[in-house]
Amino acid sequence: MYTPKPINTEDTVLEEGLLQLAELLAENVHDNWAAGRIAEGWTYGECRDDAKKQTPCLVPYGDLPESEKEYDRNTALETLKAILALGYRIERRQESGK
């Protein structure tokens, strides 16, 4: 029997800049999901229909209902927290002249 063992991120807090990054990553998660679905022949439909390969989630991230955004957001947040919990740092590279 499978027992999930995610990295413990309970005490990991993301600073404001990483929360902004999480939102960008959430949008990217959705775009990757949507690209995969489209490549599999899925199209937009008012209701999800697996037989017809239709889903109402084939819309830009900004047009998703908040409940759908939360799924992508959680994936991004937990990924960032896991990186930090494993001892890595996340830094934004400074562009020259700025």
PDB file of N, CA and C in Angstrom:
ATOM      1  N   MET A   1       0.845  -1.193   0.000  1.00  0.00           N
ATOM      2  CA  MET A   1       0.000   0.000   0.000  1.00  0.00           C
ATOM      3  C   MET A   1       0.880   1.243   0.000  1.00  0.00           C
ATOM      4  N   TYR A   2       0.526   2.181  -0.825  1.00  0.00           N
ATOM      5  CA  TYR A   2       1.277   3.425  -0.980  1.00  0.00           C
ATOM      6  C   TYR A   2       0.978   4.385   0.164  1.00  0.00           C
ATOM      7  N   THR A   3       2.036   4.884   0.789  1.00  0.00           N
ATOM      8  CA  THR A   3       1.903   5.894   1.831  1.00  0.00           C
ATOM      9  C   THR A   3       2.697   7.121   1.417  1.00  0.00           C
ATOM     10  N   PRO A   4       2.024   8.201   1.011  1.00  0.00           N
ATOM     11  CA  PRO A   4       2.743   9.407   0.587  1.00  0.00           C
ATOM     12  C   PRO A   4       3.608   9.960   1.717  1.00  0.00           C
ATOM     13  N   LYS A   5       4.789  10.419   1.378  1.00  0.00           N
ATOM     14  CA  LYS A   5       5.712  10.996   2.355  1.00  0.00           C
ATOM     15  C   LYS A   5       6.293  12.297   1.796  1.00  0.00           C
ATOM     16  N   PRO A   6       5.450  13.332   1.698  1.00  0.00           N
ATOM     17  CA  PRO A   6       5.971  14.602   1.175  1.00  0.00           C
ATOM     18  C   PRO A   6       6.998  15.206   2.130  1.00  0.00           C
ATOM     19  N   ILE A   7       7.847  16.043   1.573  1.00  0.00           N
ATOM     20  CA  ILE A   7       8.836  16.763   2.376  1.00  0.00           C
ATOM     21  C   ILE A   7       8.085  17.637   3.377  1.00  0.00           C
ATOM     22  N   ASN A   8       8.525  17.618   4.624  1.00  0.00           N
ATOM     23  CA  ASN A   8       7.875  18.411   5.660  1.00  0.00           C
ATOM     24  C   ASN A   8       8.184  19.895   5.447  1.00  0.00           C
ATOM     25  N   THR A   9       7.164  20.644   5.103  1.00  0.00           N
ATOM     26  CA  THR A   9       7.312  22.085   4.871  1.00  0.00           C
ATOM     27  C   THR A   9       6.498  22.888   5.887  1.00  0.00           C
ATOM     28  N   GLU A  10       6.067  22.220   6.933  1.00  0.00           N
ATOM     29  CA  GLU A  10       5.176  22.834   7.929  1.00  0.00           C
ATOM     30  C   GLU A  10       5.734  24.141   8.497  1.00  0.00           C
ATOM     31  N   ASP A  11       7.032  24.190   8.762  1.00  0.00           N
ATOM     32  CA  ASP A  11       7.641  25.382   9.367  1.00  0.00           C
ATOM     33  C   ASP A  11       8.293  26.307   8.341  1.00  0.00           C
ATOM     34  N   THR A  12       8.090  26.048   7.061  1.00  0.00           N
ATOM     35  CA  THR A  12       8.711  26.847   6.010  1.00  0.00           C
ATOM     36  C   THR A  12       7.789  27.999   5.630  1.00  0.00           C
ATOM     37  N   VAL A  13       8.305  29.214   5.745  1.00  0.00           N
ATOM     38  CA  VAL A  13       7.537  30.406   5.419  1.00  0.00           C
ATOM     39  C   VAL A  13       8.169  31.070   4.203  1.00  0.00           C
ATOM     40  N   LEU A  14       7.333  31.435   3.242  1.00  0.00           N
ATOM     41  CA  LEU A  14       7.830  32.105   2.040  1.00  0.00           C
ATOM     42  C   LEU A  14       7.740  33.612   2.212  1.00  0.00           C
ATOM     43  N   GLU A  15       8.812  34.302   1.859  1.00  0.00           N
ATOM     44  CA  GLU A  15       8.793  35.766   1.897  1.00  0.00           C
ATOM     45  C   GLU A  15       7.960  36.282   0.730  1.00  0.00           C
ATOM     46  N   GLU A  16       7.624  37.555   0.773  1.00  0.00           N
ATOM     47  CA  GLU A  16       6.724  38.169  -0.211  1.00  0.00           C
ATOM     48  C   GLU A  16       7.179  37.930  -1.651  1.00  0.00           C
ATOM     49  N   GLY A  17       8.469  38.099  -1.916  1.00  0.00           N
ATOM     50  CA  GLY A  17       8.966  37.900  -3.277  1.00  0.00           C
ATOM     51  C   GLY A  17       8.721  36.489  -3.781  1.00  0.00           C
ATOM     52  N   LEU A  18       8.828  35.517  -2.895  1.00  0.00           N
ATOM     53  CA  LEU A  18       8.593  34.133  -3.302  1.00  0.00           C
ATOM     54  C   LEU A  18       7.103  33.849  -3.462  1.00  0.00           C
ATOM     55  N   LEU A  19       6.273  34.573  -2.739  1.00  0.00           N
ATOM     56  CA  LEU A  19       4.828  34.423  -2.940  1.00  0.00           C
ATOM     57  C   LEU A  19       4.443  34.926  -4.329  1.00  0.00           C
ATOM     58  N   GLN A  20       5.093  35.994  -4.766  1.00  0.00           N
ATOM     59  CA  GLN A  20       4.856  36.498  -6.130  1.00  0.00           C
ATOM     60  C   GLN A  20       5.350  35.490  -7.161  1.00  0.00           C
ATOM     61  N   LEU A  21       6.509  34.885  -6.894  1.00  0.00           N
ATOM     62  CA  LEU A  21       7.040  33.858  -7.777  1.00  0.00           C
ATOM     63  C   LEU A  21       6.084  32.668  -7.832  1.00  0.00           C
ATOM     64  N   ALA A  22       5.511  32.314  -6.706  1.00  0.00           N
ATOM     65  CA  ALA A  22       4.578  31.187  -6.660  1.00  0.00           C
ATOM     66  C   ALA A  22       3.404  31.419  -7.603  1.00  0.00           C
ATOM     67  N   GLU A  23       2.908  32.633  -7.661  1.00  0.00           N
ATOM     68  CA  GLU A  23       1.777  32.934  -8.547  1.00  0.00           C
ATOM     69  C   GLU A  23       2.191  32.791 -10.014  1.00  0.00           C
ATOM     70  N   LEU A  24       3.405  33.228 -10.348  1.00  0.00           N
ATOM     71  CA  LEU A  24       3.906  33.059 -11.721  1.00  0.00           C
ATOM     72  C   LEU A  24       4.066  31.575 -12.053  1.00  0.00           C
ATOM     73  N   LEU A  25       4.566  30.818 -11.088  1.00  0.00           N
ATOM     74  CA  LEU A  25       4.727  29.378 -11.296  1.00  0.00           C
ATOM     75  C   LEU A  25       3.370  28.686 -11.415  1.00  0.00           C
ATOM     76  N   ALA A  26       2.394  29.132 -10.647  1.00  0.00           N
ATOM     77  CA  ALA A  26       1.047  28.551 -10.730  1.00  0.00           C
ATOM     78  C   ALA A  26       0.475  28.736 -12.132  1.00  0.00           C
ATOM     79  N   GLU A  27       0.673  29.914 -12.690  1.00  0.00           N
ATOM     80  CA  GLU A  27       0.210  30.171 -14.058  1.00  0.00           C
ATOM     81  C   GLU A  27       0.940  29.257 -15.035  1.00  0.00           C
ATOM     82  N   ASN A  28       2.237  29.069 -14.811  1.00  0.00           N
ATOM     83  CA  ASN A  28       3.014  28.195 -15.680  1.00  0.00           C
ATOM     84  C   ASN A  28       2.568  26.736 -15.547  1.00  0.00           C
ATOM     85  N   VAL A  29       2.245  26.306 -14.327  1.00  0.00           N
ATOM     86  CA  VAL A  29       1.722  24.954 -14.114  1.00  0.00           C
ATOM     87  C   VAL A  29       0.454  24.765 -14.938  1.00  0.00           C
ATOM     88  N   HIS A  30      -0.435  25.746 -14.888  1.00  0.00           N
ATOM     89  CA  HIS A  30      -1.682  25.661 -15.652  1.00  0.00           C
ATOM     90  C   HIS A  30      -1.394  25.626 -17.151  1.00  0.00           C
ATOM     91  N   ASP A  31      -0.497  26.490 -17.616  1.00  0.00           N
ATOM     92  CA  ASP A  31      -0.179  26.530 -19.044  1.00  0.00           C
ATOM     93  C   ASP A  31       0.416  25.207 -19.520  1.00  0.00           C
ATOM     94  N   ASN A  32       1.259  24.592 -18.707  1.00  0.00           N
ATOM     95  CA  ASN A  32       1.821  23.288 -19.071  1.00  0.00           C
ATOM     96  C   ASN A  32       0.743  22.215 -19.101  1.00  0.00           C
ATOM     97  N   TRP A  33      -0.137  22.239 -18.113  1.00  0.00           N
ATOM     98  CA  TRP A  33      -1.254  21.296 -18.086  1.00  0.00           C
ATOM     99  C   TRP A  33      -2.114  21.478 -19.337  1.00  0.00           C
ATOM    100  N   ALA A  34      -2.464  22.736 -19.641  1.00  0.00           N
ATOM    101  CA  ALA A  34      -3.336  23.019 -20.789  1.00  0.00           C
ATOM    102  C   ALA A  34      -2.670  22.602 -22.101  1.00  0.00           C
ATOM    103  N   ALA A  35      -1.385  22.873 -22.241  1.00  0.00           N
ATOM    104  CA  ALA A  35      -0.673  22.479 -23.465  1.00  0.00           C
ATOM    105  C   ALA A  35      -0.705  20.960 -23.627  1.00  0.00           C
ATOM    106  N   GLY A  36      -0.534  20.245 -22.523  1.00  0.00           N
ATOM    107  CA  GLY A  36      -0.595  18.792 -22.571  1.00  0.00           C
ATOM    108  C   GLY A  36      -1.969  18.289 -22.973  1.00  0.00           C
ATOM    109  N   ARG A  37      -2.996  18.888 -22.399  1.00  0.00           N
ATOM    110  CA  ARG A  37      -4.367  18.491 -22.735  1.00  0.00           C
ATOM    111  C   ARG A  37      -4.660  18.752 -24.214  1.00  0.00           C
ATOM    112  N   ILE A  38      -4.275  19.929 -24.685  1.00  0.00           N
ATOM    113  CA  ILE A  38      -4.514  20.274 -26.096  1.00  0.00           C
ATOM    114  C   ILE A  38      -3.777  19.294 -27.007  1.00  0.00           C
ATOM    115  N   ALA A  39      -2.548  18.944 -26.649  1.00  0.00           N
ATOM    116  CA  ALA A  39      -1.772  17.980 -27.440  1.00  0.00           C
ATOM    117  C   ALA A  39      -2.449  16.604 -27.458  1.00  0.00           C
ATOM    118  N   GLU A  40      -3.212  16.291 -26.409  1.00  0.00           N
ATOM    119  CA  GLU A  40      -3.945  15.020 -26.334  1.00  0.00           C
ATOM    120  C   GLU A  40      -5.293  15.089 -27.032  1.00  0.00           C
ATOM    121  N   GLY A  41      -5.620  16.255 -27.608  1.00  0.00           N
ATOM    122  CA  GLY A  41      -6.873  16.393 -28.351  1.00  0.00           C
ATOM    123  C   GLY A  41      -8.029  16.971 -27.564  1.00  0.00           C
ATOM    124  N   TRP A  42      -7.778  17.469 -26.352  1.00  0.00           N
ATOM    125  CA  TRP A  42      -8.841  18.069 -25.553  1.00  0.00           C
ATOM    126  C   TRP A  42      -9.182  19.452 -26.100  1.00  0.00           C
ATOM    127  N   THR A  43     -10.436  19.845 -25.906  1.00  0.00           N
ATOM    128  CA  THR A  43     -10.903  21.171 -26.285  1.00  0.00           C
ATOM    129  C   THR A  43     -11.723  21.760 -25.145  1.00  0.00           C
ATOM    130  N   TYR A  44     -12.032  23.046 -25.290  1.00  0.00           N
ATOM    131  CA  TYR A  44     -12.862  23.721 -24.295  1.00  0.00           C
ATOM    132  C   TYR A  44     -14.294  23.199 -24.399  1.00  0.00           C
ATOM    133  N   GLY A  45     -14.919  23.002 -23.246  1.00  0.00           N
ATOM    134  CA  GLY A  45     -16.334  22.655 -23.183  1.00  0.00           C
ATOM    135  C   GLY A  45     -16.918  23.207 -21.900  1.00  0.00           C
ATOM    136  N   GLU A  46     -18.177  23.530 -21.896  1.00  0.00           N
ATOM    137  CA  GLU A  46     -18.833  24.112 -20.719  1.00  0.00           C
ATOM    138  C   GLU A  46     -18.739  23.200 -19.503  1.00  0.00           C
ATOM    139  N   CYS A  47     -18.805  21.881 -19.730  1.00  0.00           N
ATOM    140  CA  CYS A  47     -18.722  20.893 -18.656  1.00  0.00           C
ATOM    141  C   CYS A  47     -17.641  19.878 -19.013  1.00  0.00           C
ATOM    142  N   ARG A  48     -16.989  19.337 -17.990  1.00  0.00           N
ATOM    143  CA  ARG A  48     -15.981  18.308 -18.254  1.00  0.00           C
ATOM    144  C   ARG A  48     -16.668  17.055 -18.791  1.00  0.00           C
ATOM    145  N   ASP A  49     -16.114  16.565 -19.889  1.00  0.00           N
ATOM    146  CA  ASP A  49     -16.630  15.346 -20.504  1.00  0.00           C
ATOM    147  C   ASP A  49     -15.426  14.566 -21.005  1.00  0.00           C
ATOM    148  N   ASP A  50     -15.043  13.534 -20.264  1.00  0.00           N
ATOM    149  CA  ASP A  50     -13.858  12.754 -20.614  1.00  0.00           C
ATOM    150  C   ASP A  50     -14.015  12.048 -21.952  1.00  0.00           C
ATOM    151  N   ALA A  51     -15.205  11.569 -22.267  1.00  0.00           N
ATOM    152  CA  ALA A  51     -15.433  10.856 -23.528  1.00  0.00           C
ATOM    153  C   ALA A  51     -15.228  11.780 -24.727  1.00  0.00           C
ATOM    154  N   LYS A  52     -15.675  13.023 -24.590  1.00  0.00           N
ATOM    155  CA  LYS A  52     -15.524  14.007 -25.678  1.00  0.00           C
ATOM    156  C   LYS A  52     -14.211  14.775 -25.585  1.00  0.00           C
ATOM    157  N   LYS A  53     -13.458  14.537 -24.498  1.00  0.00           N
ATOM    158  CA  LYS A  53     -12.210  15.266 -24.231  1.00  0.00           C
ATOM    159  C   LYS A  53     -12.476  16.785 -24.217  1.00  0.00           C
ATOM    160  N   GLN A  54     -13.419  17.176 -23.382  1.00  0.00           N
ATOM    161  CA  GLN A  54     -13.744  18.586 -23.210  1.00  0.00           C
ATOM    162  C   GLN A  54     -13.635  18.958 -21.735  1.00  0.00           C
ATOM    163  N   THR A  55     -13.144  20.172 -21.484  1.00  0.00           N
ATOM    164  CA  THR A  55     -13.033  20.670 -20.114  1.00  0.00           C
ATOM    165  C   THR A  55     -13.218  22.184 -20.103  1.00  0.00           C
ATOM    166  N   PRO A  56     -13.867  22.699 -19.074  1.00  0.00           N
ATOM    167  CA  PRO A  56     -14.030  24.154 -18.959  1.00  0.00           C
ATOM    168  C   PRO A  56     -12.744  24.846 -18.482  1.00  0.00           C
ATOM    169  N   CYS A  57     -11.703  24.071 -18.171  1.00  0.00           N
ATOM    170  CA  CYS A  57     -10.462  24.663 -17.657  1.00  0.00           C
ATOM    171  C   CYS A  57      -9.463  25.024 -18.751  1.00  0.00           C
ATOM    172  N   LEU A  58      -9.815  24.806 -20.000  1.00  0.00           N
ATOM    173  CA  LEU A  58      -8.921  25.223 -21.089  1.00  0.00           C
ATOM    174  C   LEU A  58      -9.152  26.693 -21.408  1.00  0.00           C
ATOM    175  N   VAL A  59      -8.793  27.505 -20.454  1.00  0.00           N
ATOM    176  CA  VAL A  59      -8.883  28.964 -20.554  1.00  0.00           C
ATOM    177  C   VAL A  59      -7.605  29.527 -19.938  1.00  0.00           C
ATOM    178  N   PRO A  60      -7.287  30.793 -20.219  1.00  0.00           N
ATOM    179  CA  PRO A  60      -6.115  31.389 -19.560  1.00  0.00           C
ATOM    180  C   PRO A  60      -6.246  31.315 -18.037  1.00  0.00           C
ATOM    181  N   TYR A  61      -5.118  31.223 -17.362  1.00  0.00           N
ATOM    182  CA  TYR A  61      -5.076  31.118 -15.904  1.00  0.00           C
ATOM    183  C   TYR A  61      -5.934  32.185 -15.229  1.00  0.00           C
ATOM    184  N   GLY A  62      -5.843  33.412 -15.697  1.00  0.00           N
ATOM    185  CA  GLY A  62      -6.602  34.513 -15.103  1.00  0.00           C
ATOM    186  C   GLY A  62      -8.108  34.334 -15.183  1.00  0.00           C
ATOM    187  N   ASP A  63      -8.562  33.505 -16.119  1.00  0.00           N
ATOM    188  CA  ASP A  63     -10.001  33.279 -16.295  1.00  0.00           C
ATOM    189  C   ASP A  63     -10.514  32.062 -15.527  1.00  0.00           C
ATOM    190  N   LEU A  64      -9.611  31.335 -14.869  1.00  0.00           N
ATOM    191  CA  LEU A  64     -10.033  30.172 -14.087  1.00  0.00           C
ATOM    192  C   LEU A  64     -10.793  30.605 -12.844  1.00  0.00           C
ATOM    193  N   PRO A  65     -11.722  29.774 -12.381  1.00  0.00           N
ATOM    194  CA  PRO A  65     -12.333  30.064 -11.086  1.00  0.00           C
ATOM    195  C   PRO A  65     -11.276  29.922  -9.990  1.00  0.00           C
ATOM    196  N   GLU A  66     -11.459  30.612  -8.909  1.00  0.00           N
ATOM    197  CA  GLU A  66     -10.491  30.617  -7.816  1.00  0.00           C
ATOM    198  C   GLU A  66     -10.197  29.205  -7.312  1.00  0.00           C
ATOM    199  N   SER A  67     -11.193  28.341  -7.312  1.00  0.00           N
ATOM    200  CA  SER A  67     -10.983  26.964  -6.837  1.00  0.00           C
ATOM    201  C   SER A  67      -9.972  26.220  -7.697  1.00  0.00           C
ATOM    202  N   GLU A  68      -9.959  26.472  -8.993  1.00  0.00           N
ATOM    203  CA  GLU A  68      -8.993  25.831  -9.892  1.00  0.00           C
ATOM    204  C   GLU A  68      -7.603  26.455  -9.734  1.00  0.00           C
ATOM    205  N   LYS A  69      -7.560  27.766  -9.545  1.00  0.00           N
ATOM    206  CA  LYS A  69      -6.271  28.440  -9.332  1.00  0.00           C
ATOM    207  C   LYS A  69      -5.600  27.913  -8.071  1.00  0.00           C
ATOM    208  N   GLU A  70      -6.390  27.609  -7.044  1.00  0.00           N
ATOM    209  CA  GLU A  70      -5.848  27.129  -5.776  1.00  0.00           C
ATOM    210  C   GLU A  70      -5.057  25.828  -5.957  1.00  0.00           C
ATOM    211  N   TYR A  71      -5.515  24.957  -6.832  1.00  0.00           N
ATOM    212  CA  TYR A  71      -4.803  23.700  -7.085  1.00  0.00           C
ATOM    213  C   TYR A  71      -3.411  23.996  -7.639  1.00  0.00           C
ATOM    214  N   ASP A  72      -3.344  24.866  -8.657  1.00  0.00           N
ATOM    215  CA  ASP A  72      -2.057  25.223  -9.265  1.00  0.00           C
ATOM    216  C   ASP A  72      -1.182  25.989  -8.277  1.00  0.00           C
ATOM    217  N   ARG A  73      -1.803  26.883  -7.516  1.00  0.00           N
ATOM    218  CA  ARG A  73      -1.084  27.671  -6.519  1.00  0.00           C
ATOM    219  C   ARG A  73      -0.453  26.771  -5.455  1.00  0.00           C
ATOM    220  N   ASN A  74      -1.206  25.801  -4.983  1.00  0.00           N
ATOM    221  CA  ASN A  74      -0.708  24.893  -3.964  1.00  0.00           C
ATOM    222  C   ASN A  74       0.490  24.093  -4.489  1.00  0.00           C
ATOM    223  N   THR A  75       0.422  23.660  -5.732  1.00  0.00           N
ATOM    224  CA  THR A  75       1.545  22.943  -6.342  1.00  0.00           C
ATOM    225  C   THR A  75       2.789  23.819  -6.343  1.00  0.00           C
ATOM    226  N   ALA A  76       2.641  25.064  -6.754  1.00  0.00           N
ATOM    227  CA  ALA A  76       3.777  25.987  -6.806  1.00  0.00           C
ATOM    228  C   ALA A  76       4.304  26.302  -5.402  1.00  0.00           C
ATOM    229  N   LEU A  77       3.408  26.598  -4.478  1.00  0.00           N
ATOM    230  CA  LEU A  77       3.821  26.930  -3.113  1.00  0.00           C
ATOM    231  C   LEU A  77       4.559  25.781  -2.448  1.00  0.00           C
ATOM    232  N   GLU A  78       4.022  24.578  -2.569  1.00  0.00           N
ATOM    233  CA  GLU A  78       4.656  23.427  -1.933  1.00  0.00           C
ATOM    234  C   GLU A  78       5.995  23.095  -2.579  1.00  0.00           C
ATOM    235  N   THR A  79       6.118  23.337  -3.875  1.00  0.00           N
ATOM    236  CA  THR A  79       7.408  23.119  -4.547  1.00  0.00           C
ATOM    237  C   THR A  79       8.449  24.103  -4.024  1.00  0.00           C
ATOM    238  N   LEU A  80       8.085  25.370  -3.921  1.00  0.00           N
ATOM    239  CA  LEU A  80       9.022  26.373  -3.394  1.00  0.00           C
ATOM    240  C   LEU A  80       9.389  26.066  -1.947  1.00  0.00           C
ATOM    241  N   LYS A  81       8.408  25.702  -1.146  1.00  0.00           N
ATOM    242  CA  LYS A  81       8.684  25.370   0.258  1.00  0.00           C
ATOM    243  C   LYS A  81       9.602  24.155   0.366  1.00  0.00           C
ATOM    244  N   ALA A  82       9.401  23.160  -0.484  1.00  0.00           N
ATOM    245  CA  ALA A  82      10.244  21.964  -0.458  1.00  0.00           C
ATOM    246  C   ALA A  82      11.684  22.321  -0.810  1.00  0.00           C
ATOM    247  N   ILE A  83      11.878  23.185  -1.782  1.00  0.00           N
ATOM    248  CA  ILE A  83      13.230  23.621  -2.163  1.00  0.00           C
ATOM    249  C   ILE A  83      13.923  24.242  -0.956  1.00  0.00           C
ATOM    250  N   LEU A  84      13.216  25.121  -0.253  1.00  0.00           N
ATOM    251  CA  LEU A  84      13.795  25.772   0.926  1.00  0.00           C
ATOM    252  C   LEU A  84      14.016  24.783   2.057  1.00  0.00           C
ATOM    253  N   ALA A  85      13.065  23.893   2.285  1.00  0.00           N
ATOM    254  CA  ALA A  85      13.182  22.915   3.368  1.00  0.00           C
ATOM    255  C   ALA A  85      14.361  21.969   3.146  1.00  0.00           C
ATOM    256  N   LEU A  86      14.724  21.764   1.900  1.00  0.00           N
ATOM    257  CA  LEU A  86      15.860  20.906   1.573  1.00  0.00           C
ATOM    258  C   LEU A  86      17.205  21.639   1.676  1.00  0.00           C
ATOM    259  N   GLY A  87      17.148  22.920   2.037  1.00  0.00           N
ATOM    260  CA  GLY A  87      18.372  23.673   2.273  1.00  0.00           C
ATOM    261  C   GLY A  87      18.860  24.514   1.104  1.00  0.00           C
ATOM    262  N   TYR A  88      18.076  24.614   0.059  1.00  0.00           N
ATOM    263  CA  TYR A  88      18.457  25.444  -1.081  1.00  0.00           C
ATOM    264  C   TYR A  88      17.997  26.881  -0.864  1.00  0.00           C
ATOM    265  N   ARG A  89      18.639  27.791  -1.572  1.00  0.00           N
ATOM    266  CA  ARG A  89      18.234  29.199  -1.567  1.00  0.00           C
ATOM    267  C   ARG A  89      17.641  29.533  -2.920  1.00  0.00           C
ATOM    268  N   ILE A  90      16.724  30.456  -2.910  1.00  0.00           N
ATOM    269  CA  ILE A  90      16.143  30.949  -4.156  1.00  0.00           C
ATOM    270  C   ILE A  90      16.406  32.438  -4.204  1.00  0.00           C
ATOM    271  N   GLU A  91      17.164  32.855  -5.194  1.00  0.00           N
ATOM    272  CA  GLU A  91      17.503  34.268  -5.344  1.00  0.00           C
ATOM    273  C   GLU A  91      17.168  34.725  -6.742  1.00  0.00           C
ATOM    274  N   ARG A  92      16.709  35.937  -6.824  1.00  0.00           N
ATOM    275  CA  ARG A  92      16.480  36.546  -8.143  1.00  0.00           C
ATOM    276  C   ARG A  92      17.786  37.167  -8.584  1.00  0.00           C
ATOM    277  N   ARG A  93      18.185  36.846  -9.778  1.00  0.00           N
ATOM    278  CA  ARG A  93      19.415  37.385 -10.335  1.00  0.00           C
ATOM    279  C   ARG A  93      19.249  38.867 -10.612  1.00  0.00           C
ATOM    280  N   GLN A  94      20.212  39.640 -10.222  1.00  0.00           N
ATOM    281  CA  GLN A  94      20.201  41.079 -10.464  1.00  0.00           C
ATOM    282  C   GLN A  94      20.642  41.347 -11.897  1.00  0.00           C
ATOM    283  N   GLU A  95      19.855  42.116 -12.612  1.00  0.00           N
ATOM    284  CA  GLU A  95      20.245  42.470 -13.979  1.00  0.00           C
ATOM    285  C   GLU A  95      21.255  43.591 -13.922  1.00  0.00           C
ATOM    286  N   SER A  96      22.225  43.573 -14.817  1.00  0.00           N
ATOM    287  CA  SER A  96      23.265  44.605 -14.819  1.00  0.00           C
ATOM    288  C   SER A  96      22.660  45.973 -15.101  1.00  0.00           C
ATOM    289  N   GLY A  97      23.166  46.974 -14.369  1.00  0.00           N
ATOM    290  CA  GLY A  97      22.694  48.344 -14.543  1.00  0.00           C
ATOM    291  C   GLY A  97      21.426  48.669 -13.806  1.00  0.00           C
ATOM    292  N   LYS A  98      20.953  47.783 -12.952  1.00  0.00           N
ATOM    293  CA  LYS A  98      19.700  48.048 -12.220  1.00  0.00           C
ATOM    294  C   LYS A  98      19.896  47.898 -10.747  1.00  0.00           C
TER     295      LYS A  98
END
